[in-house]
Amino acid sequence: METVVIQVNNHTAFSLLENLEALNVIKVLRNITHPRSEKVKEHVDRAARLSEIQAITKDIHVDLTNFKFNRDEANNYD
């Protein structure tokens, strides 16, 4: 038995998967619905990522007051 993750982009294809499940050909393990608008999805994803990053890094403080980036040193891989 193989487990495959797919993204269905239209309702007709989703209906086909529902029919295959009804015939016991496939089993839908989890159905995750996403907002229809990609812009809304991007905003939700970005907000979720940002809040997760902020939660992880809230107690991390780095002082970069006198830091000077040296591009030549950064590109030196030896």
C-alpha atoms as a PDB file:
ATOM      1  CA  MET A   1       0.000   0.000   0.000  1.00  0.00           C
ATOM      2  CA  GLU A   2       1.309   3.452  -0.932  1.00  0.00           C
ATOM      3  CA  THR A   3       0.437   6.816   0.619  1.00  0.00           C
ATOM      4  CA  VAL A   4       0.371   9.776  -1.757  1.00  0.00           C
ATOM      5  CA  VAL A   5      -0.263  13.446  -1.018  1.00  0.00           C
ATOM      6  CA  ILE A   6      -1.986  15.344  -3.830  1.00  0.00           C
ATOM      7  CA  GLN A   7      -3.521  18.761  -4.396  1.00  0.00           C
ATOM      8  CA  VAL A   8      -6.794  18.834  -6.313  1.00  0.00           C
ATOM      9  CA  ASN A   9      -7.336  22.055  -8.232  1.00  0.00           C
ATOM     10  CA  ASN A  10     -10.891  21.658  -9.482  1.00  0.00           C
ATOM     11  CA  HIS A  11     -14.181  20.274  -8.231  1.00  0.00           C
ATOM     12  CA  THR A  12     -14.581  17.694 -11.019  1.00  0.00           C
ATOM     13  CA  ALA A  13     -11.295  16.037 -10.121  1.00  0.00           C
ATOM     14  CA  PHE A  14     -12.312  16.023  -6.470  1.00  0.00           C
ATOM     15  CA  SER A  15     -15.597  14.324  -7.418  1.00  0.00           C
ATOM     16  CA  LEU A  16     -13.588  11.656  -9.230  1.00  0.00           C
ATOM     17  CA  LEU A  17     -11.607  10.996  -6.043  1.00  0.00           C
ATOM     18  CA  GLU A  18     -14.819  10.809  -4.022  1.00  0.00           C
ATOM     19  CA  ASN A  19     -16.160   8.216  -6.491  1.00  0.00           C
ATOM     20  CA  LEU A  20     -12.952   6.176  -6.255  1.00  0.00           C
ATOM     21  CA  GLU A  21     -13.228   6.228  -2.481  1.00  0.00           C
ATOM     22  CA  ALA A  22     -16.851   5.071  -2.689  1.00  0.00           C
ATOM     23  CA  LEU A  23     -15.666   2.122  -4.815  1.00  0.00           C
ATOM     24  CA  ASN A  24     -13.000   1.270  -2.177  1.00  0.00           C
ATOM     25  CA  VAL A  25     -10.222   1.958  -4.693  1.00  0.00           C
ATOM     26  CA  ILE A  26      -8.664   4.708  -2.572  1.00  0.00           C
ATOM     27  CA  LYS A  27      -9.004   5.946   0.996  1.00  0.00           C
ATOM     28  CA  VAL A  28      -8.952   9.661   1.813  1.00  0.00           C
ATOM     29  CA  LEU A  29      -6.952   9.954   5.021  1.00  0.00           C
ATOM     30  CA  ARG A  30      -7.385  13.681   5.540  1.00  0.00           C
ATOM     31  CA  ASN A  31      -9.125  16.427   3.609  1.00  0.00           C
ATOM     32  CA  ILE A  32      -7.715  19.907   4.201  1.00  0.00           C
ATOM     33  CA  THR A  33      -9.703  22.703   2.622  1.00  0.00           C
ATOM     34  CA  HIS A  34      -7.963  25.963   1.800  1.00  0.00           C
ATOM     35  CA  PRO A  35      -9.401  29.409   1.073  1.00  0.00           C
ATOM     36  CA  ARG A  36     -10.397  29.826  -2.554  1.00  0.00           C
ATOM     37  CA  SER A  37      -8.382  33.008  -3.075  1.00  0.00           C
ATOM     38  CA  GLU A  38      -4.636  32.493  -3.433  1.00  0.00           C
ATOM     39  CA  LYS A  39      -4.043  36.009  -2.131  1.00  0.00           C
ATOM     40  CA  VAL A  40      -6.008  35.199   1.046  1.00  0.00           C
ATOM     41  CA  LYS A  41      -4.104  31.920   1.344  1.00  0.00           C
ATOM     42  CA  GLU A  42      -0.751  33.701   0.971  1.00  0.00           C
ATOM     43  CA  HIS A  43      -1.753  36.233   3.611  1.00  0.00           C
ATOM     44  CA  VAL A  44      -2.872  33.521   6.044  1.00  0.00           C
ATOM     45  CA  ASP A  45       0.271  31.455   5.419  1.00  0.00           C
ATOM     46  CA  ARG A  46       2.508  34.508   5.820  1.00  0.00           C
ATOM     47  CA  ALA A  47       0.764  35.596   9.014  1.00  0.00           C
ATOM     48  CA  ALA A  48       1.004  32.074  10.462  1.00  0.00           C
ATOM     49  CA  ARG A  49       4.705  31.799   9.584  1.00  0.00           C
ATOM     50  CA  LEU A  50       5.432  35.247  10.988  1.00  0.00           C
ATOM     51  CA  SER A  51       3.650  34.551  14.271  1.00  0.00           C
ATOM     52  CA  GLU A  52       5.480  31.223  14.607  1.00  0.00           C
ATOM     53  CA  ILE A  53       8.859  32.893  13.979  1.00  0.00           C
ATOM     54  CA  GLN A  54       8.028  35.642  16.475  1.00  0.00           C
ATOM     55  CA  ALA A  55       7.047  33.067  19.115  1.00  0.00           C
ATOM     56  CA  ILE A  56      10.313  31.177  18.644  1.00  0.00           C
ATOM     57  CA  THR A  57      12.565  34.246  18.603  1.00  0.00           C
ATOM     58  CA  LYS A  58      10.848  36.507  21.154  1.00  0.00           C
ATOM     59  CA  ASP A  59      13.515  35.876  23.824  1.00  0.00           C
ATOM     60  CA  ILE A  60      16.500  36.037  21.463  1.00  0.00           C
ATOM     61  CA  HIS A  61      18.294  39.392  21.444  1.00  0.00           C
ATOM     62  CA  VAL A  62      21.325  40.034  19.240  1.00  0.00           C
ATOM     63  CA  ASP A  63      23.198  43.328  19.396  1.00  0.00           C
ATOM     64  CA  LEU A  64      24.509  44.251  15.943  1.00  0.00           C
ATOM     65  CA  THR A  65      25.464  47.838  16.794  1.00  0.00           C
ATOM     66  CA  ASN A  66      29.106  47.652  15.660  1.00  0.00           C
ATOM     67  CA  PHE A  67      28.708  44.869  13.102  1.00  0.00           C
ATOM     68  CA  LYS A  68      30.210  45.507   9.655  1.00  0.00           C
ATOM     69  CA  PHE A  69      29.480  43.022   6.879  1.00  0.00           C
ATOM     70  CA  ASN A  70      32.569  42.012   4.906  1.00  0.00           C
ATOM     71  CA  ARG A  71      31.467  40.619   1.563  1.00  0.00           C
ATOM     72  CA  ASP A  72      34.957  39.348   0.658  1.00  0.00           C
ATOM     73  CA  GLU A  73      35.218  37.419   3.908  1.00  0.00           C
ATOM     74  CA  ALA A  74      31.681  36.056   3.468  1.00  0.00           C
ATOM     75  CA  ASN A  75      32.611  34.728   0.015  1.00  0.00           C
ATOM     76  CA  ASN A  76      35.846  33.148   1.242  1.00  0.00           C
ATOM     77  CA  TYR A  77      35.072  29.434   1.440  1.00  0.00           C
ATOM     78  CA  ASP A  78      38.629  28.250   2.174  1.00  0.00           C
END
